[in-house]
Amino acid sequence: MALRLTVQVLLVLQALLREPGRELYGLELSDETGLLPGTAYPILLRLEREGWVASRWEDVDPRAEKRPARRYYRLTAGGTVQASAAAASARRPRAAALRTLASEGGTA
């Protein structure tokens, strides 16, 4: 099944693309995208299943840190290529949309 590139998915991809080698934990991605965790985490899971994202649990003692361990996400090499292409195509209006705009008297 192909990944649906919704606005929310593109927000997550753009956040990860800002620094492709950097690992971000889930709540950090939620903050950067403005998405609620209940929206961001399922997107990250789908991206991981598609091979675009890899994740790992941090190795900490939750009692010592006084917080739960975080799961960090980063783009894979292939995911970086695919995410860049997806972000670029999302910014480019389709020819049919431009024709519709022109027929309605708008400008492109």
N, C-alpha and C. Protein backbone atom coordinates (compact mmCIF):
# COMPACT_ATOMS: atom_id res chain seq x y z
N MET A 1 0.83 -1.18 0.00
CA MET A 1 0.00 0.00 0.00
C MET A 1 0.88 1.25 0.00
N ALA A 2 0.60 2.17 -0.89
CA ALA A 2 1.39 3.40 -1.00
C ALA A 2 1.03 4.36 0.12
N LEU A 3 1.99 5.12 0.53
CA LEU A 3 1.82 6.10 1.59
C LEU A 3 1.01 7.29 1.06
N ARG A 4 -0.08 7.64 1.77
CA ARG A 4 -0.86 8.82 1.39
C ARG A 4 -0.16 10.05 1.93
N LEU A 5 0.11 10.99 1.06
CA LEU A 5 0.84 12.20 1.45
C LEU A 5 -0.16 13.31 1.80
N THR A 6 -0.72 13.22 2.99
CA THR A 6 -1.64 14.24 3.48
C THR A 6 -0.84 15.45 3.95
N VAL A 7 -1.52 16.51 4.26
CA VAL A 7 -0.86 17.70 4.79
C VAL A 7 -0.12 17.36 6.08
N GLN A 8 -0.74 16.54 6.91
CA GLN A 8 -0.11 16.16 8.18
C GLN A 8 1.16 15.35 7.95
N VAL A 9 1.13 14.42 7.02
CA VAL A 9 2.31 13.62 6.71
C VAL A 9 3.42 14.54 6.19
N LEU A 10 3.06 15.47 5.33
CA LEU A 10 4.05 16.40 4.79
C LEU A 10 4.65 17.28 5.89
N LEU A 11 3.85 17.66 6.88
CA LEU A 11 4.39 18.44 8.01
C LEU A 11 5.45 17.64 8.77
N VAL A 12 5.17 16.36 9.01
CA VAL A 12 6.15 15.51 9.70
C VAL A 12 7.40 15.35 8.86
N LEU A 13 7.23 15.09 7.56
CA LEU A 13 8.38 14.93 6.68
C LEU A 13 9.22 16.20 6.62
N GLN A 14 8.57 17.35 6.54
CA GLN A 14 9.31 18.61 6.48
C GLN A 14 10.10 18.85 7.76
N ALA A 15 9.51 18.49 8.90
CA ALA A 15 10.22 18.65 10.18
C ALA A 15 11.45 17.75 10.21
N LEU A 16 11.31 16.52 9.72
CA LEU A 16 12.45 15.60 9.69
C LEU A 16 13.50 16.03 8.66
N LEU A 17 13.06 16.66 7.58
CA LEU A 17 13.98 17.10 6.53
C LEU A 17 14.80 18.32 6.91
N ARG A 18 14.39 19.07 7.91
CA ARG A 18 15.14 20.28 8.29
C ARG A 18 16.59 19.94 8.62
N GLU A 19 16.78 18.82 9.32
CA GLU A 19 18.12 18.29 9.61
C GLU A 19 18.03 16.78 9.47
N PRO A 20 18.19 16.26 8.24
CA PRO A 20 17.94 14.84 7.98
C PRO A 20 18.68 13.86 8.88
N GLY A 21 19.87 14.17 9.35
CA GLY A 21 20.61 13.23 10.19
C GLY A 21 20.23 13.30 11.66
N ARG A 22 19.46 14.30 12.03
CA ARG A 22 19.10 14.53 13.43
C ARG A 22 17.97 13.62 13.86
N GLU A 23 18.07 13.10 15.08
CA GLU A 23 17.00 12.30 15.65
C GLU A 23 16.09 13.21 16.47
N LEU A 24 14.78 13.02 16.30
CA LEU A 24 13.79 13.77 17.05
C LEU A 24 12.88 12.78 17.77
N TYR A 25 12.49 13.11 19.01
CA TYR A 25 11.55 12.22 19.68
C TYR A 25 10.13 12.70 19.38
N GLY A 26 9.17 11.82 19.61
CA GLY A 26 7.79 12.05 19.19
C GLY A 26 7.19 13.37 19.62
N LEU A 27 7.28 13.73 20.90
CA LEU A 27 6.69 14.99 21.36
C LEU A 27 7.41 16.19 20.76
N GLU A 28 8.69 16.04 20.50
CA GLU A 28 9.46 17.11 19.85
C GLU A 28 8.91 17.35 18.44
N LEU A 29 8.61 16.25 17.73
CA LEU A 29 8.02 16.37 16.39
C LEU A 29 6.63 16.97 16.47
N SER A 30 5.86 16.60 17.48
CA SER A 30 4.53 17.19 17.66
C SER A 30 4.64 18.69 17.85
N ASP A 31 5.58 19.11 18.67
CA ASP A 31 5.78 20.55 18.91
C ASP A 31 6.20 21.27 17.62
N GLU A 32 7.10 20.67 16.87
CA GLU A 32 7.60 21.31 15.64
C GLU A 32 6.54 21.42 14.56
N THR A 33 5.64 20.43 14.51
CA THR A 33 4.62 20.41 13.46
C THR A 33 3.31 21.05 13.87
N GLY A 34 3.09 21.16 15.18
CA GLY A 34 1.80 21.65 15.66
C GLY A 34 0.74 20.57 15.68
N LEU A 35 1.13 19.34 15.38
CA LEU A 35 0.18 18.22 15.39
C LEU A 35 0.07 17.63 16.79
N LEU A 36 -1.10 17.16 17.13
CA LEU A 36 -1.28 16.48 18.40
C LEU A 36 -0.56 15.13 18.34
N PRO A 37 -0.08 14.64 19.49
CA PRO A 37 0.61 13.35 19.50
C PRO A 37 -0.24 12.22 18.91
N GLY A 38 -1.55 12.25 19.10
CA GLY A 38 -2.43 11.23 18.55
C GLY A 38 -2.49 11.24 17.04
N THR A 39 -2.04 12.32 16.43
CA THR A 39 -1.93 12.41 14.97
C THR A 39 -0.51 12.08 14.53
N ALA A 40 0.48 12.62 15.24
CA ALA A 40 1.87 12.46 14.83
C ALA A 40 2.37 11.02 14.96
N TYR A 41 2.05 10.35 16.07
CA TYR A 41 2.58 9.00 16.28
C TYR A 41 2.11 7.99 15.23
N PRO A 42 0.82 7.96 14.84
CA PRO A 42 0.43 7.03 13.77
C PRO A 42 1.12 7.33 12.44
N ILE A 43 1.38 8.60 12.17
CA ILE A 43 2.12 8.97 10.95
C ILE A 43 3.53 8.41 11.02
N LEU A 44 4.19 8.58 12.16
CA LEU A 44 5.55 8.05 12.32
C LEU A 44 5.58 6.54 12.16
N LEU A 45 4.57 5.85 12.69
CA LEU A 45 4.49 4.40 12.56
C LEU A 45 4.36 4.00 11.09
N ARG A 46 3.49 4.70 10.34
CA ARG A 46 3.34 4.40 8.90
C ARG A 46 4.63 4.68 8.14
N LEU A 47 5.29 5.79 8.47
CA LEU A 47 6.55 6.11 7.80
C LEU A 47 7.61 5.05 8.10
N GLU A 48 7.59 4.54 9.32
CA GLU A 48 8.55 3.49 9.68
C GLU A 48 8.24 2.19 8.93
N ARG A 49 6.98 1.85 8.84
CA ARG A 49 6.58 0.64 8.10
C ARG A 49 6.96 0.71 6.63
N GLU A 50 6.92 1.92 6.07
CA GLU A 50 7.28 2.11 4.66
C GLU A 50 8.79 2.18 4.46
N GLY A 51 9.56 2.25 5.55
CA GLY A 51 11.01 2.30 5.45
C GLY A 51 11.58 3.71 5.30
N TRP A 52 10.74 4.72 5.43
CA TRP A 52 11.19 6.10 5.31
C TRP A 52 11.86 6.58 6.59
N VAL A 53 11.44 6.02 7.72
CA VAL A 53 11.90 6.45 9.04
C VAL A 53 12.39 5.24 9.82
N ALA A 54 13.42 5.44 10.62
CA ALA A 54 13.90 4.42 11.57
C ALA A 54 13.73 5.02 12.97
N SER A 55 13.52 4.14 13.94
CA SER A 55 13.37 4.63 15.31
C SER A 55 14.19 3.78 16.26
N ARG A 56 14.43 4.35 17.44
CA ARG A 56 15.13 3.62 18.48
C ARG A 56 14.68 4.19 19.82
N TRP A 57 14.69 3.33 20.83
CA TRP A 57 14.41 3.77 22.19
C TRP A 57 15.72 4.25 22.81
N GLU A 58 15.67 5.37 23.53
CA GLU A 58 16.87 5.84 24.20
C GLU A 58 17.17 4.93 25.38
N ASP A 59 18.43 4.80 25.66
CA ASP A 59 18.90 3.92 26.73
C ASP A 59 19.13 4.75 27.99
N VAL A 60 18.05 4.93 28.79
CA VAL A 60 18.16 5.69 30.03
C VAL A 60 17.41 4.94 31.13
N ASP A 61 17.72 5.29 32.34
CA ASP A 61 16.98 4.78 33.49
C ASP A 61 15.87 5.79 33.78
N PRO A 62 14.61 5.42 33.52
CA PRO A 62 13.52 6.37 33.72
C PRO A 62 13.44 6.92 35.15
N ARG A 63 13.82 6.12 36.12
CA ARG A 63 13.78 6.62 37.51
C ARG A 63 14.84 7.69 37.73
N ALA A 64 16.01 7.47 37.18
CA ALA A 64 17.09 8.46 37.32
C ALA A 64 16.76 9.74 36.56
N GLU A 65 16.17 9.59 35.39
CA GLU A 65 15.83 10.75 34.55
C GLU A 65 14.53 11.42 34.98
N LYS A 66 13.73 10.69 35.77
CA LYS A 66 12.41 11.17 36.23
C LYS A 66 11.47 11.46 35.05
N ARG A 67 11.57 10.60 34.04
CA ARG A 67 10.70 10.66 32.87
C ARG A 67 10.82 9.34 32.13
N PRO A 68 9.81 9.02 31.33
CA PRO A 68 9.92 7.78 30.54
C PRO A 68 11.00 7.89 29.47
N ALA A 69 11.47 6.75 29.00
CA ALA A 69 12.42 6.73 27.88
C ALA A 69 11.73 7.29 26.64
N ARG A 70 12.50 7.94 25.82
CA ARG A 70 11.97 8.53 24.59
C ARG A 70 12.27 7.63 23.41
N ARG A 71 11.39 7.66 22.45
CA ARG A 71 11.63 6.97 21.18
C ARG A 71 12.04 8.03 20.17
N TYR A 72 13.22 7.85 19.61
CA TYR A 72 13.76 8.82 18.65
C TYR A 72 13.54 8.34 17.23
N TYR A 73 13.23 9.29 16.34
CA TYR A 73 12.95 9.01 14.93
C TYR A 73 13.90 9.81 14.07
N ARG A 74 14.30 9.19 12.94
CA ARG A 74 15.13 9.89 11.95
C ARG A 74 14.80 9.32 10.58
N LEU A 75 15.05 10.11 9.56
CA LEU A 75 14.85 9.63 8.19
C LEU A 75 15.94 8.63 7.84
N THR A 76 15.59 7.58 7.11
CA THR A 76 16.59 6.68 6.56
C THR A 76 17.17 7.35 5.31
N ALA A 77 18.22 6.78 4.76
CA ALA A 77 18.81 7.35 3.54
C ALA A 77 17.77 7.37 2.42
N GLY A 78 17.09 6.26 2.23
CA GLY A 78 16.04 6.19 1.21
C GLY A 78 14.87 7.10 1.54
N GLY A 79 14.55 7.19 2.83
CA GLY A 79 13.46 8.05 3.27
C GLY A 79 13.74 9.51 3.01
N THR A 80 15.01 9.90 3.14
CA THR A 80 15.39 11.29 2.87
C THR A 80 15.14 11.62 1.40
N VAL A 81 15.50 10.70 0.51
CA VAL A 81 15.28 10.90 -0.92
C VAL A 81 13.79 10.98 -1.22
N GLN A 82 13.02 10.02 -0.68
CA GLN A 82 11.58 9.99 -0.93
C GLN A 82 10.87 11.19 -0.31
N ALA A 83 11.26 11.58 0.90
CA ALA A 83 10.63 12.71 1.56
C ALA A 83 10.92 14.01 0.80
N SER A 84 12.14 14.16 0.32
CA SER A 84 12.50 15.36 -0.46
C SER A 84 11.67 15.44 -1.73
N ALA A 85 11.52 14.31 -2.41
CA ALA A 85 10.72 14.28 -3.64
C ALA A 85 9.24 14.57 -3.33
N ALA A 86 8.73 14.01 -2.24
CA ALA A 86 7.33 14.23 -1.86
C ALA A 86 7.09 15.69 -1.52
N ALA A 87 8.01 16.29 -0.77
CA ALA A 87 7.87 17.69 -0.40
C ALA A 87 7.94 18.59 -1.63
N ALA A 88 8.84 18.28 -2.55
CA ALA A 88 8.97 19.08 -3.77
C ALA A 88 7.72 18.98 -4.64
N SER A 89 7.17 17.78 -4.80
CA SER A 89 5.99 17.61 -5.64
C SER A 89 4.76 18.22 -4.99
N ALA A 90 4.73 18.27 -3.67
CA ALA A 90 3.59 18.86 -2.97
C ALA A 90 3.54 20.37 -3.17
N ARG A 91 4.67 20.99 -3.38
CA ARG A 91 4.74 22.44 -3.58
C ARG A 91 4.44 22.85 -5.01
N ARG A 92 4.51 21.88 -5.93
CA ARG A 92 4.32 22.19 -7.33
C ARG A 92 2.85 21.98 -7.72
N PRO A 93 2.14 23.03 -8.14
CA PRO A 93 0.74 22.84 -8.52
C PRO A 93 0.64 21.96 -9.76
N ARG A 94 -0.36 21.15 -9.79
CA ARG A 94 -0.60 20.28 -10.94
C ARG A 94 -1.12 21.11 -12.12
N ALA A 95 -0.85 20.64 -13.33
CA ALA A 95 -1.25 21.36 -14.55
C ALA A 95 -2.76 21.58 -14.57
N ALA A 96 -3.54 20.57 -14.16
CA ALA A 96 -4.99 20.71 -14.17
C ALA A 96 -5.44 21.82 -13.23
N ALA A 97 -4.78 21.95 -12.08
CA ALA A 97 -5.13 23.01 -11.13
C ALA A 97 -4.81 24.38 -11.73
N LEU A 98 -3.70 24.48 -12.43
CA LEU A 98 -3.34 25.74 -13.08
C LEU A 98 -4.32 26.10 -14.19
N ARG A 99 -4.76 25.09 -14.97
CA ARG A 99 -5.74 25.35 -16.03
C ARG A 99 -7.06 25.83 -15.42
N THR A 100 -7.49 25.21 -14.34
CA THR A 100 -8.73 25.62 -13.67
C THR A 100 -8.61 27.04 -13.16
N LEU A 101 -7.49 27.34 -12.54
CA LEU A 101 -7.25 28.69 -12.03
C LEU A 101 -7.30 29.71 -13.18
N ALA A 102 -6.65 29.39 -14.29
CA ALA A 102 -6.61 30.29 -15.44
C ALA A 102 -8.01 30.46 -16.04
N SER A 103 -8.80 29.38 -16.10
CA SER A 103 -10.14 29.47 -16.68
C SER A 103 -11.08 30.29 -15.80
N GLU A 104 -10.74 30.40 -14.52
CA GLU A 104 -11.58 31.19 -13.59
C GLU A 104 -11.10 32.64 -13.51
N GLY A 105 -10.12 32.99 -14.34
CA GLY A 105 -9.64 34.37 -14.38
C GLY A 105 -8.50 34.65 -13.41
N GLY A 106 -8.02 33.63 -12.74
CA GLY A 106 -6.88 33.81 -11.81
C GLY A 106 -5.58 33.77 -12.56
N THR A 107 -4.52 34.03 -11.84
CA THR A 107 -3.20 33.95 -12.45
C THR A 107 -2.35 32.95 -11.67
N ALA A 108 -1.41 32.39 -12.37
CA ALA A 108 -0.53 31.40 -11.74
C ALA A 108 0.80 32.02 -11.42
